[in-house]
């Protein structure tokens, strides 16, 4: 019996990279839908961001010039995308809870 050979490295590596890219693309696509881009715009921008190897954790490093260079031509779209920086910096409910000093009356 002949056992089948594993796929060549380049086929395996390409498939792995493609899956990773697909998950990054999907994350961007979902993020753009969250900020009210339509399906076509979200698809286009997710493709642009993944092709430029921009990851979600890089949002705070984006600026208007970078977005223009990437081909985001509409000013309103750049403003909406840059608004993601503020969303990432908004405090969570638990971080907003502040400890209040307790007053103890000793009589």
PDB file of N, CA and C in Angstrom:
ATOM      1  N   UNK A   1       0.827  -1.185   0.000  1.00  0.00           N
ATOM      2  CA  UNK A   1       0.000   0.000   0.000  1.00  0.00           C
ATOM      3  C   UNK A   1       0.871   1.249   0.000  1.00  0.00           C
ATOM      4  N   UNK A   2       0.490   2.161  -0.832  1.00  0.00           N
ATOM      5  CA  UNK A   2       1.189   3.446  -0.866  1.00  0.00           C
ATOM      6  C   UNK A   2       0.402   4.465  -0.062  1.00  0.00           C
ATOM      7  N   UNK A   3       1.061   5.088   0.869  1.00  0.00           N
ATOM      8  CA  UNK A   3       0.395   6.154   1.614  1.00  0.00           C
ATOM      9  C   UNK A   3       0.564   7.460   0.844  1.00  0.00           C
ATOM     10  N   UNK A   4      -0.482   8.252   0.816  1.00  0.00           N
ATOM     11  CA  UNK A   4      -0.373   9.511   0.069  1.00  0.00           C
ATOM     12  C   UNK A   4       0.631  10.445   0.728  1.00  0.00           C
ATOM     13  N   UNK A   5       1.324  11.170  -0.098  1.00  0.00           N
ATOM     14  CA  UNK A   5       2.295  12.138   0.400  1.00  0.00           C
ATOM     15  C   UNK A   5       1.568  13.391   0.890  1.00  0.00           C
ATOM     16  N   UNK A   6       2.129  14.048   1.889  1.00  0.00           N
ATOM     17  CA  UNK A   6       1.522  15.309   2.331  1.00  0.00           C
ATOM     18  C   UNK A   6       1.668  16.355   1.222  1.00  0.00           C
ATOM     19  N   UNK A   7       0.856  17.394   1.275  1.00  0.00           N
ATOM     20  CA  UNK A   7       0.966  18.426   0.235  1.00  0.00           C
ATOM     21  C   UNK A   7       2.312  19.128   0.318  1.00  0.00           C
ATOM     22  N   UNK A   8       2.794  19.641  -0.795  1.00  0.00           N
ATOM     23  CA  UNK A   8       4.051  20.397  -0.762  1.00  0.00           C
ATOM     24  C   UNK A   8       3.936  21.576   0.201  1.00  0.00           C
ATOM     25  N   UNK A   9       5.069  21.973   0.747  1.00  0.00           N
ATOM     26  CA  UNK A   9       5.091  23.037   1.749  1.00  0.00           C
ATOM     27  C   UNK A   9       4.424  24.309   1.244  1.00  0.00           C
ATOM     28  N   UNK A  10       4.730  24.703   0.004  1.00  0.00           N
ATOM     29  CA  UNK A  10       4.186  25.969  -0.486  1.00  0.00           C
ATOM     30  C   UNK A  10       2.665  25.930  -0.582  1.00  0.00           C
ATOM     31  N   UNK A  11       2.072  24.781  -0.897  1.00  0.00           N
ATOM     32  CA  UNK A  11       0.610  24.677  -0.922  1.00  0.00           C
ATOM     33  C   UNK A  11       0.046  24.788   0.486  1.00  0.00           C
ATOM     34  N   UNK A  12       0.683  24.108   1.434  1.00  0.00           N
ATOM     35  CA  UNK A  12       0.227  24.152   2.825  1.00  0.00           C
ATOM     36  C   UNK A  12       0.374  25.562   3.379  1.00  0.00           C
ATOM     37  N   UNK A  13       1.521  26.169   3.148  1.00  0.00           N
ATOM     38  CA  UNK A  13       1.796  27.506   3.658  1.00  0.00           C
ATOM     39  C   UNK A  13       0.830  28.525   3.068  1.00  0.00           C
ATOM     40  N   UNK A  14       0.556  28.441   1.776  1.00  0.00           N
ATOM     41  CA  UNK A  14      -0.380  29.373   1.142  1.00  0.00           C
ATOM     42  C   UNK A  14      -1.778  29.217   1.710  1.00  0.00           C
ATOM     43  N   UNK A  15      -2.213  27.976   1.939  1.00  0.00           N
ATOM     44  CA  UNK A  15      -3.547  27.739   2.496  1.00  0.00           C
ATOM     45  C   UNK A  15      -3.637  28.317   3.900  1.00  0.00           C
ATOM     46  N   UNK A  16      -2.574  28.136   4.679  1.00  0.00           N
ATOM     47  CA  UNK A  16      -2.558  28.658   6.041  1.00  0.00           C
ATOM     48  C   UNK A  16      -2.604  30.183   6.031  1.00  0.00           C
ATOM     49  N   UNK A  17      -1.820  30.797   5.166  1.00  0.00           N
ATOM     50  CA  UNK A  17      -1.803  32.256   5.076  1.00  0.00           C
ATOM     51  C   UNK A  17      -3.148  32.777   4.597  1.00  0.00           C
ATOM     52  N   UNK A  18      -3.759  32.055   3.665  1.00  0.00           N
ATOM     53  CA  UNK A  18      -5.048  32.482   3.141  1.00  0.00           C
ATOM     54  C   UNK A  18      -6.119  32.438   4.231  1.00  0.00           C
ATOM     55  N   UNK A  19      -6.116  31.388   5.063  1.00  0.00           N
ATOM     56  CA  UNK A  19      -7.083  31.300   6.158  1.00  0.00           C
ATOM     57  C   UNK A  19      -6.887  32.438   7.141  1.00  0.00           C
ATOM     58  N   UNK A  20      -5.620  32.756   7.439  1.00  0.00           N
ATOM     59  CA  UNK A  20      -5.318  33.848   8.353  1.00  0.00           C
ATOM     60  C   UNK A  20      -5.802  35.168   7.767  1.00  0.00           C
ATOM     61  N   UNK A  21      -5.558  35.365   6.476  1.00  0.00           N
ATOM     62  CA  UNK A  21      -6.004  36.581   5.812  1.00  0.00           C
ATOM     63  C   UNK A  21      -7.522  36.658   5.802  1.00  0.00           C
ATOM     64  N   UNK A  22      -8.179  35.525   5.565  1.00  0.00           N
ATOM     65  CA  UNK A  22      -9.642  35.513   5.554  1.00  0.00           C
ATOM     66  C   UNK A  22     -10.211  35.917   6.902  1.00  0.00           C
ATOM     67  N   UNK A  23      -9.606  35.444   7.992  1.00  0.00           N
ATOM     68  CA  UNK A  23     -10.122  35.806   9.316  1.00  0.00           C
ATOM     69  C   UNK A  23      -9.875  37.285   9.601  1.00  0.00           C
ATOM     70  N   UNK A  24      -8.744  37.819   9.140  1.00  0.00           N
ATOM     71  CA  UNK A  24      -8.471  39.249   9.321  1.00  0.00           C
ATOM     72  C   UNK A  24      -9.425  40.078   8.470  1.00  0.00           C
ATOM     73  N   UNK A  25      -9.661  39.605   7.237  1.00  0.00           N
ATOM     74  CA  UNK A  25     -10.603  40.297   6.360  1.00  0.00           C
ATOM     75  C   UNK A  25     -11.985  40.318   6.998  1.00  0.00           C
ATOM     76  N   UNK A  26     -12.415  39.182   7.545  1.00  0.00           N
ATOM     77  CA  UNK A  26     -13.737  39.084   8.171  1.00  0.00           C
ATOM     78  C   UNK A  26     -13.842  40.019   9.370  1.00  0.00           C
ATOM     79  N   UNK A  27     -12.766  40.119  10.153  1.00  0.00           N
ATOM     80  CA  UNK A  27     -12.772  41.014  11.316  1.00  0.00           C
ATOM     81  C   UNK A  27     -12.940  42.467  10.870  1.00  0.00           C
ATOM     82  N   UNK A  28     -12.206  42.868   9.821  1.00  0.00           N
ATOM     83  CA  UNK A  28     -12.355  44.227   9.301  1.00  0.00           C
ATOM     84  C   UNK A  28     -13.743  44.436   8.725  1.00  0.00           C
ATOM     85  N   UNK A  29     -14.232  43.468   7.972  1.00  0.00           N
ATOM     86  CA  UNK A  29     -15.559  43.568   7.366  1.00  0.00           C
ATOM     87  C   UNK A  29     -16.608  43.822   8.453  1.00  0.00           C
ATOM     88  N   UNK A  30     -16.548  43.037   9.523  1.00  0.00           N
ATOM     89  CA  UNK A  30     -17.496  43.207  10.633  1.00  0.00           C
ATOM     90  C   UNK A  30     -17.341  44.576  11.290  1.00  0.00           C
ATOM     91  N   UNK A  31     -16.100  45.018  11.446  1.00  0.00           N
ATOM     92  CA  UNK A  31     -15.839  46.324  12.072  1.00  0.00           C
ATOM     93  C   UNK A  31     -16.444  47.444  11.230  1.00  0.00           C
ATOM     94  N   UNK A  32     -16.309  47.354   9.901  1.00  0.00           N
ATOM     95  CA  UNK A  32     -16.868  48.388   9.026  1.00  0.00           C
ATOM     96  C   UNK A  32     -18.393  48.354   9.027  1.00  0.00           C
ATOM     97  N   UNK A  33     -18.969  47.171   9.141  1.00  0.00           N
ATOM     98  CA  UNK A  33     -20.429  47.088   9.250  1.00  0.00           C
ATOM     99  C   UNK A  33     -20.904  47.734  10.547  1.00  0.00           C
ATOM    100  N   UNK A  34     -20.129  47.559  11.633  1.00  0.00           N
ATOM    101  CA  UNK A  34     -20.476  48.153  12.932  1.00  0.00           C
ATOM    102  C   UNK A  34     -20.582  49.675  12.856  1.00  0.00           C
ATOM    103  N   UNK A  35     -19.774  50.284  11.985  1.00  0.00           N
ATOM    104  CA  UNK A  35     -19.805  51.751  11.892  1.00  0.00           C
ATOM    105  C   UNK A  35     -20.619  52.200  10.673  1.00  0.00           C
ATOM    106  N   UNK A  36     -21.572  51.348  10.312  1.00  0.00           N
ATOM    107  CA  UNK A  36     -22.626  51.681   9.348  1.00  0.00           C
ATOM    108  C   UNK A  36     -22.186  51.880   7.906  1.00  0.00           C
ATOM    109  N   UNK A  37     -21.125  51.193   7.484  1.00  0.00           N
ATOM    110  CA  UNK A  37     -20.846  51.130   6.057  1.00  0.00           C
ATOM    111  C   UNK A  37     -21.765  50.075   5.466  1.00  0.00           C
ATOM    112  N   UNK A  38     -22.171  50.262   4.208  1.00  0.00           N
ATOM    113  CA  UNK A  38     -22.998  49.233   3.580  1.00  0.00           C
ATOM    114  C   UNK A  38     -22.126  48.031   3.211  1.00  0.00           C
ATOM    115  N   UNK A  39     -22.746  46.950   2.781  1.00  0.00           N
ATOM    116  CA  UNK A  39     -22.009  45.711   2.491  1.00  0.00           C
ATOM    117  C   UNK A  39     -20.895  45.918   1.472  1.00  0.00           C
ATOM    118  N   UNK A  40     -21.180  46.668   0.407  1.00  0.00           N
ATOM    119  CA  UNK A  40     -20.166  46.885  -0.632  1.00  0.00           C
ATOM    120  C   UNK A  40     -18.982  47.686  -0.111  1.00  0.00           C
ATOM    121  N   UNK A  41     -19.269  48.741   0.650  1.00  0.00           N
ATOM    122  CA  UNK A  41     -18.193  49.561   1.221  1.00  0.00           C
ATOM    123  C   UNK A  41     -17.380  48.748   2.223  1.00  0.00           C
ATOM    124  N   UNK A  42     -18.061  47.998   3.086  1.00  0.00           N
ATOM    125  CA  UNK A  42     -17.364  47.176   4.080  1.00  0.00           C
ATOM    126  C   UNK A  42     -16.467  46.159   3.387  1.00  0.00           C
ATOM    127  N   UNK A  43     -16.965  45.557   2.320  1.00  0.00           N
ATOM    128  CA  UNK A  43     -16.178  44.583   1.551  1.00  0.00           C
ATOM    129  C   UNK A  43     -14.945  45.254   0.946  1.00  0.00           C
ATOM    130  N   UNK A  44     -15.147  46.401   0.319  1.00  0.00           N
ATOM    131  CA  UNK A  44     -14.051  47.128  -0.320  1.00  0.00           C
ATOM    132  C   UNK A  44     -12.992  47.536   0.702  1.00  0.00           C
ATOM    133  N   UNK A  45     -13.424  48.117   1.818  1.00  0.00           N
ATOM    134  CA  UNK A  45     -12.469  48.596   2.808  1.00  0.00           C
ATOM    135  C   UNK A  45     -11.775  47.449   3.541  1.00  0.00           C
ATOM    136  N   UNK A  46     -12.480  46.360   3.792  1.00  0.00           N
ATOM    137  CA  UNK A  46     -11.838  45.193   4.410  1.00  0.00           C
ATOM    138  C   UNK A  46     -10.736  44.669   3.501  1.00  0.00           C
ATOM    139  N   UNK A  47     -10.992  44.660   2.206  1.00  0.00           N
ATOM    140  CA  UNK A  47      -9.984  44.215   1.244  1.00  0.00           C
ATOM    141  C   UNK A  47      -8.792  45.165   1.238  1.00  0.00           C
ATOM    142  N   UNK A  48      -9.055  46.464   1.230  1.00  0.00           N
ATOM    143  CA  UNK A  48      -7.970  47.454   1.244  1.00  0.00           C
ATOM    144  C   UNK A  48      -7.116  47.292   2.501  1.00  0.00           C
ATOM    145  N   UNK A  49      -7.761  47.148   3.651  1.00  0.00           N
ATOM    146  CA  UNK A  49      -7.019  47.055   4.912  1.00  0.00           C
ATOM    147  C   UNK A  49      -6.192  45.771   4.983  1.00  0.00           C
ATOM    148  N   UNK A  50      -6.746  44.651   4.544  1.00  0.00           N
ATOM    149  CA  UNK A  50      -5.973  43.404   4.591  1.00  0.00           C
ATOM    150  C   UNK A  50      -4.861  43.414   3.552  1.00  0.00           C
ATOM    151  N   UNK A  51      -5.109  43.981   2.378  1.00  0.00           N
ATOM    152  CA  UNK A  51      -4.050  44.070   1.365  1.00  0.00           C
ATOM    153  C   UNK A  51      -2.899  44.943   1.836  1.00  0.00           C
ATOM    154  N   UNK A  52      -3.196  45.928   2.676  1.00  0.00           N
ATOM    155  CA  UNK A  52      -2.166  46.812   3.224  1.00  0.00           C
ATOM    156  C   UNK A  52      -1.621  46.314   4.561  1.00  0.00           C
ATOM    157  N   UNK A  53      -2.046  45.119   4.959  1.00  0.00           N
ATOM    158  CA  UNK A  53      -1.589  44.477   6.200  1.00  0.00           C
ATOM    159  C   UNK A  53      -1.834  45.349   7.434  1.00  0.00           C
ATOM    160  N   UNK A  54      -2.974  46.036   7.436  1.00  0.00           N
ATOM    161  CA  UNK A  54      -3.387  46.818   8.602  1.00  0.00           C
ATOM    162  C   UNK A  54      -4.215  45.897   9.489  1.00  0.00           C
ATOM    163  N   UNK A  55      -3.819  45.783  10.746  1.00  0.00           N
ATOM    164  CA  UNK A  55      -4.529  44.916  11.679  1.00  0.00           C
ATOM    165  C   UNK A  55      -5.374  45.766  12.627  1.00  0.00           C
ATOM    166  N   UNK A  56      -6.358  45.121  13.234  1.00  0.00           N
ATOM    167  CA  UNK A  56      -7.273  45.852  14.119  1.00  0.00           C
ATOM    168  C   UNK A  56      -6.547  46.586  15.237  1.00  0.00           C
ATOM    169  N   UNK A  57      -5.465  45.998  15.748  1.00  0.00           N
ATOM    170  CA  UNK A  57      -4.752  46.645  16.857  1.00  0.00           C
ATOM    171  C   UNK A  57      -3.950  47.868  16.404  1.00  0.00           C
ATOM    172  N   UNK A  58      -3.980  48.173  15.102  1.00  0.00           N
ATOM    173  CA  UNK A  58      -3.273  49.341  14.571  1.00  0.00           C
ATOM    174  C   UNK A  58      -4.197  50.550  14.400  1.00  0.00           C
ATOM    175  N   UNK A  59      -5.453  50.420  14.791  1.00  0.00           N
ATOM    176  CA  UNK A  59      -6.437  51.485  14.564  1.00  0.00           C
ATOM    177  C   UNK A  59      -5.943  52.821  15.106  1.00  0.00           C
ATOM    178  N   UNK A  60      -5.368  52.820  16.287  1.00  0.00           N
ATOM    179  CA  UNK A  60      -4.944  54.079  16.910  1.00  0.00           C
ATOM    180  C   UNK A  60      -3.755  54.718  16.205  1.00  0.00           C
ATOM    181  N   UNK A  61      -3.103  53.991  15.308  1.00  0.00           N
ATOM    182  CA  UNK A  61      -1.967  54.540  14.567  1.00  0.00           C
ATOM    183  C   UNK A  61      -2.381  55.105  13.209  1.00  0.00           C
ATOM    184  N   UNK A  62      -3.638  54.918  12.835  1.00  0.00           N
ATOM    185  CA  UNK A  62      -4.110  55.432  11.551  1.00  0.00           C
ATOM    186  C   UNK A  62      -4.276  56.942  11.609  1.00  0.00           C
ATOM    187  N   UNK A  63      -4.078  57.581  10.474  1.00  0.00           N
ATOM    188  CA  UNK A  63      -4.362  59.006  10.364  1.00  0.00           C
ATOM    189  C   UNK A  63      -4.950  59.271   8.987  1.00  0.00           C
ATOM    190  N   UNK A  64      -5.393  60.483   8.777  1.00  0.00           N
ATOM    191  CA  UNK A  64      -6.064  60.822   7.528  1.00  0.00           C
ATOM    192  C   UNK A  64      -5.151  60.605   6.323  1.00  0.00           C
ATOM    193  N   UNK A  65      -3.880  60.955   6.456  1.00  0.00           N
ATOM    194  CA  UNK A  65      -2.939  60.776   5.351  1.00  0.00           C
ATOM    195  C   UNK A  65      -2.777  59.320   4.957  1.00  0.00           C
ATOM    196  N   UNK A  66      -2.677  58.451   5.951  1.00  0.00           N
ATOM    197  CA  UNK A  66      -2.547  57.019   5.671  1.00  0.00           C
ATOM    198  C   UNK A  66      -3.784  56.506   4.951  1.00  0.00           C
ATOM    199  N   UNK A  67      -4.945  56.907   5.421  1.00  0.00           N
ATOM    200  CA  UNK A  67      -6.187  56.457   4.787  1.00  0.00           C
ATOM    201  C   UNK A  67      -6.272  56.945   3.343  1.00  0.00           C
ATOM    202  N   UNK A  68      -5.841  58.188   3.085  1.00  0.00           N
ATOM    203  CA  UNK A  68      -5.831  58.707   1.716  1.00  0.00           C
ATOM    204  C   UNK A  68      -4.897  57.878   0.838  1.00  0.00           C
ATOM    205  N   UNK A  69      -3.697  57.596   1.358  1.00  0.00           N
ATOM    206  CA  UNK A  69      -2.728  56.802   0.594  1.00  0.00           C
ATOM    207  C   UNK A  69      -3.257  55.408   0.278  1.00  0.00           C
ATOM    208  N   UNK A  70      -4.086  54.879   1.167  1.00  0.00           N
ATOM    209  CA  UNK A  70      -4.655  53.548   0.959  1.00  0.00           C
ATOM    210  C   UNK A  70      -5.816  53.579  -0.028  1.00  0.00           C
ATOM    211  N   UNK A  71      -6.286  54.774  -0.392  1.00  0.00           N
ATOM    212  CA  UNK A  71      -7.361  54.873  -1.368  1.00  0.00           C
ATOM    213  C   UNK A  71      -8.734  55.152  -0.792  1.00  0.00           C
ATOM    214  N   UNK A  72      -8.789  55.561   0.481  1.00  0.00           N
ATOM    215  CA  UNK A  72     -10.069  55.944   1.079  1.00  0.00           C
ATOM    216  C   UNK A  72     -10.286  57.408   0.689  1.00  0.00           C
ATOM    217  N   UNK A  73     -11.036  57.626  -0.391  1.00  0.00           N
ATOM    218  CA  UNK A  73     -11.149  58.955  -0.987  1.00  0.00           C
ATOM    219  C   UNK A  73     -12.175  59.861  -0.318  1.00  0.00           C
ATOM    220  N   UNK A  74     -13.217  59.306   0.227  1.00  0.00           N
ATOM    221  CA  UNK A  74     -14.295  60.124   0.789  1.00  0.00           C
ATOM    222  C   UNK A  74     -13.945  60.582   2.199  1.00  0.00           C
ATOM    223  N   UNK A  75     -13.985  61.900   2.393  1.00  0.00           N
ATOM    224  CA  UNK A  75     -13.636  62.469   3.698  1.00  0.00           C
ATOM    225  C   UNK A  75     -14.522  61.921   4.806  1.00  0.00           C
ATOM    226  N   UNK A  76     -15.814  61.784   4.535  1.00  0.00           N
ATOM    227  CA  UNK A  76     -16.732  61.258   5.545  1.00  0.00           C
ATOM    228  C   UNK A  76     -16.385  59.841   5.955  1.00  0.00           C
ATOM    229  N   UNK A  77     -15.923  59.050   5.008  1.00  0.00           N
ATOM    230  CA  UNK A  77     -15.534  57.676   5.326  1.00  0.00           C
ATOM    231  C   UNK A  77     -14.265  57.668   6.172  1.00  0.00           C
ATOM    232  N   UNK A  78     -13.320  58.567   5.854  1.00  0.00           N
ATOM    233  CA  UNK A  78     -12.101  58.646   6.665  1.00  0.00           C
ATOM    234  C   UNK A  78     -12.448  59.060   8.092  1.00  0.00           C
ATOM    235  N   UNK A  79     -13.363  60.019   8.229  1.00  0.00           N
ATOM    236  CA  UNK A  79     -13.770  60.475   9.565  1.00  0.00           C
ATOM    237  C   UNK A  79     -14.411  59.326  10.334  1.00  0.00           C
ATOM    238  N   UNK A  80     -15.263  58.577   9.661  1.00  0.00           N
ATOM    239  CA  UNK A  80     -15.941  57.452  10.318  1.00  0.00           C
ATOM    240  C   UNK A  80     -14.921  56.391  10.759  1.00  0.00           C
ATOM    241  N   UNK A  81     -13.955  56.101   9.893  1.00  0.00           N
ATOM    242  CA  UNK A  81     -12.934  55.103  10.235  1.00  0.00           C
ATOM    243  C   UNK A  81     -12.077  55.604  11.392  1.00  0.00           C
ATOM    244  N   UNK A  82     -11.676  56.871  11.344  1.00  0.00           N
ATOM    245  CA  UNK A  82     -10.868  57.420  12.438  1.00  0.00           C
ATOM    246  C   UNK A  82     -11.653  57.472  13.742  1.00  0.00           C
ATOM    247  N   UNK A  83     -12.972  57.506  13.654  1.00  0.00           N
ATOM    248  CA  UNK A  83     -13.813  57.450  14.844  1.00  0.00           C
ATOM    249  C   UNK A  83     -13.656  56.149  15.609  1.00  0.00           C
ATOM    250  N   UNK A  84     -13.152  55.114  14.939  1.00  0.00           N
ATOM    251  CA  UNK A  84     -12.889  53.843  15.633  1.00  0.00           C
ATOM    252  C   UNK A  84     -11.847  54.030  16.728  1.00  0.00           C
ATOM    253  N   UNK A  85     -10.963  55.011  16.562  1.00  0.00           N
ATOM    254  CA  UNK A  85      -9.951  55.269  17.589  1.00  0.00           C
ATOM    255  C   UNK A  85     -10.625  55.664  18.894  1.00  0.00           C
ATOM    256  N   UNK A  86     -11.646  56.486  18.815  1.00  0.00           N
ATOM    257  CA  UNK A  86     -12.368  56.906  20.016  1.00  0.00           C
ATOM    258  C   UNK A  86     -13.146  55.751  20.623  1.00  0.00           C
ATOM    259  N   UNK A  87     -13.703  54.883  19.767  1.00  0.00           N
ATOM    260  CA  UNK A  87     -14.438  53.723  20.284  1.00  0.00           C
ATOM    261  C   UNK A  87     -13.512  52.830  21.094  1.00  0.00           C
ATOM    262  N   UNK A  88     -12.271  52.671  20.636  1.00  0.00           N
ATOM    263  CA  UNK A  88     -11.323  51.809  21.339  1.00  0.00           C
ATOM    264  C   UNK A  88     -10.864  52.420  22.651  1.00  0.00           C
ATOM    265  N   UNK A  89     -10.954  53.734  22.768  1.00  0.00           N
ATOM    266  CA  UNK A  89     -10.472  54.400  23.975  1.00  0.00           C
ATOM    267  C   UNK A  89     -11.563  54.662  25.001  1.00  0.00           C
ATOM    268  N   UNK A  90     -12.818  54.399  24.621  1.00  0.00           N
ATOM    269  CA  UNK A  90     -13.900  54.650  25.565  1.00  0.00           C
ATOM    270  C   UNK A  90     -13.749  53.749  26.780  1.00  0.00           C
ATOM    271  N   UNK A  91     -13.925  54.316  27.969  1.00  0.00           N
ATOM    272  CA  UNK A  91     -13.786  53.497  29.171  1.00  0.00           C
ATOM    273  C   UNK A  91     -14.912  52.480  29.273  1.00  0.00           C
ATOM    274  N   UNK A  92     -14.584  51.365  29.857  1.00  0.00           N
ATOM    275  CA  UNK A  92     -15.598  50.341  30.089  1.00  0.00           C
ATOM    276  C   UNK A  92     -16.351  50.678  31.362  1.00  0.00           C
ATOM    277  N   UNK A  93     -17.460  50.017  31.584  1.00  0.00           N
ATOM    278  CA  UNK A  93     -18.275  50.282  32.772  1.00  0.00           C
ATOM    279  C   UNK A  93     -17.478  50.033  34.041  1.00  0.00           C
ATOM    280  N   UNK A  94     -16.676  48.973  34.062  1.00  0.00           N
ATOM    281  CA  UNK A  94     -15.920  48.672  35.280  1.00  0.00           C
ATOM    282  C   UNK A  94     -14.815  49.682  35.516  1.00  0.00           C
ATOM    283  N   UNK A  95     -14.233  50.244  34.442  1.00  0.00           N
ATOM    284  CA  UNK A  95     -13.176  51.227  34.658  1.00  0.00           C
ATOM    285  C   UNK A  95     -13.747  52.569  35.089  1.00  0.00           C
ATOM    286  N   UNK A  96     -15.050  52.777  34.878  1.00  0.00           N
ATOM    287  CA  UNK A  96     -15.674  54.032  35.269  1.00  0.00           C
ATOM    288  C   UNK A  96     -16.091  54.030  36.733  1.00  0.00           C
ATOM    289  N   UNK A  97     -16.180  52.865  37.338  1.00  0.00           N
ATOM    290  CA  UNK A  97     -16.572  52.775  38.741  1.00  0.00           C
ATOM    291  C   UNK A  97     -15.394  53.243  39.583  1.00  0.00           C
ATOM    292  N   UNK A  98     -15.645  54.230  40.406  1.00  0.00           N
ATOM    293  CA  UNK A  98     -14.586  54.748  41.256  1.00  0.00           C
ATOM    294  C   UNK A  98     -14.920  54.443  42.706  1.00  0.00           C
ATOM    295  N   UNK A  99     -13.894  54.118  43.430  1.00  0.00           N
ATOM    296  CA  UNK A  99     -14.096  53.839  44.853  1.00  0.00           C
ATOM    297  C   UNK A  99     -14.395  55.150  45.573  1.00  0.00           C
ATOM    298  N   UNK A 100     -15.386  55.126  46.420  1.00  0.00           N
ATOM    299  CA  UNK A 100     -15.750  56.292  47.214  1.00  0.00           C
ATOM    300  C   UNK A 100     -15.226  56.085  48.633  1.00  0.00           C
ATOM    301  N   UNK A 101     -14.658  57.130  49.200  1.00  0.00           N
ATOM    302  CA  UNK A 101     -14.175  56.970  50.576  1.00  0.00           C
ATOM    303  C   UNK A 101     -15.344  56.694  51.521  1.00  0.00           C
ATOM    304  N   UNK A 102     -15.087  55.854  52.463  1.00  0.00           N
ATOM    305  CA  UNK A 102     -16.106  55.506  53.443  1.00  0.00           C
ATOM    306  C   UNK A 102     -15.877  56.343  54.695  1.00  0.00           C
ATOM    307  N   UNK A 103     -16.948  56.954  55.183  1.00  0.00           N
ATOM    308  CA  UNK A 103     -16.867  57.747  56.404  1.00  0.00           C
ATOM    309  C   UNK A 103     -17.331  56.880  57.562  1.00  0.00           C
ATOM    310  N   UNK A 104     -16.501  56.802  58.565  1.00  0.00           N
ATOM    311  CA  UNK A 104     -16.852  56.017  59.743  1.00  0.00           C
ATOM    312  C   UNK A 104     -16.988  56.988  60.912  1.00  0.00           C
ATOM    313  N   UNK A 105     -18.157  56.997  61.519  1.00  0.00           N
ATOM    314  CA  UNK A 105     -18.386  57.839  62.695  1.00  0.00           C
ATOM    315  C   UNK A 105     -18.076  57.029  63.938  1.00  0.00           C
ATOM    316  N   UNK A 106     -17.149  57.544  64.725  1.00  0.00           N
ATOM    317  CA  UNK A 106     -16.810  56.884  65.978  1.00  0.00           C
ATOM    318  C   UNK A 106     -17.275  57.798  67.103  1.00  0.00           C
ATOM    319  N   UNK A 107     -18.182  57.309  67.918  1.00  0.00           N
ATOM    320  CA  UNK A 107     -18.704  58.141  69.005  1.00  0.00           C
ATOM    321  C   UNK A 107     -18.276  57.607  70.334  1.00  0.00           C
TER     322      UNK A 107
END
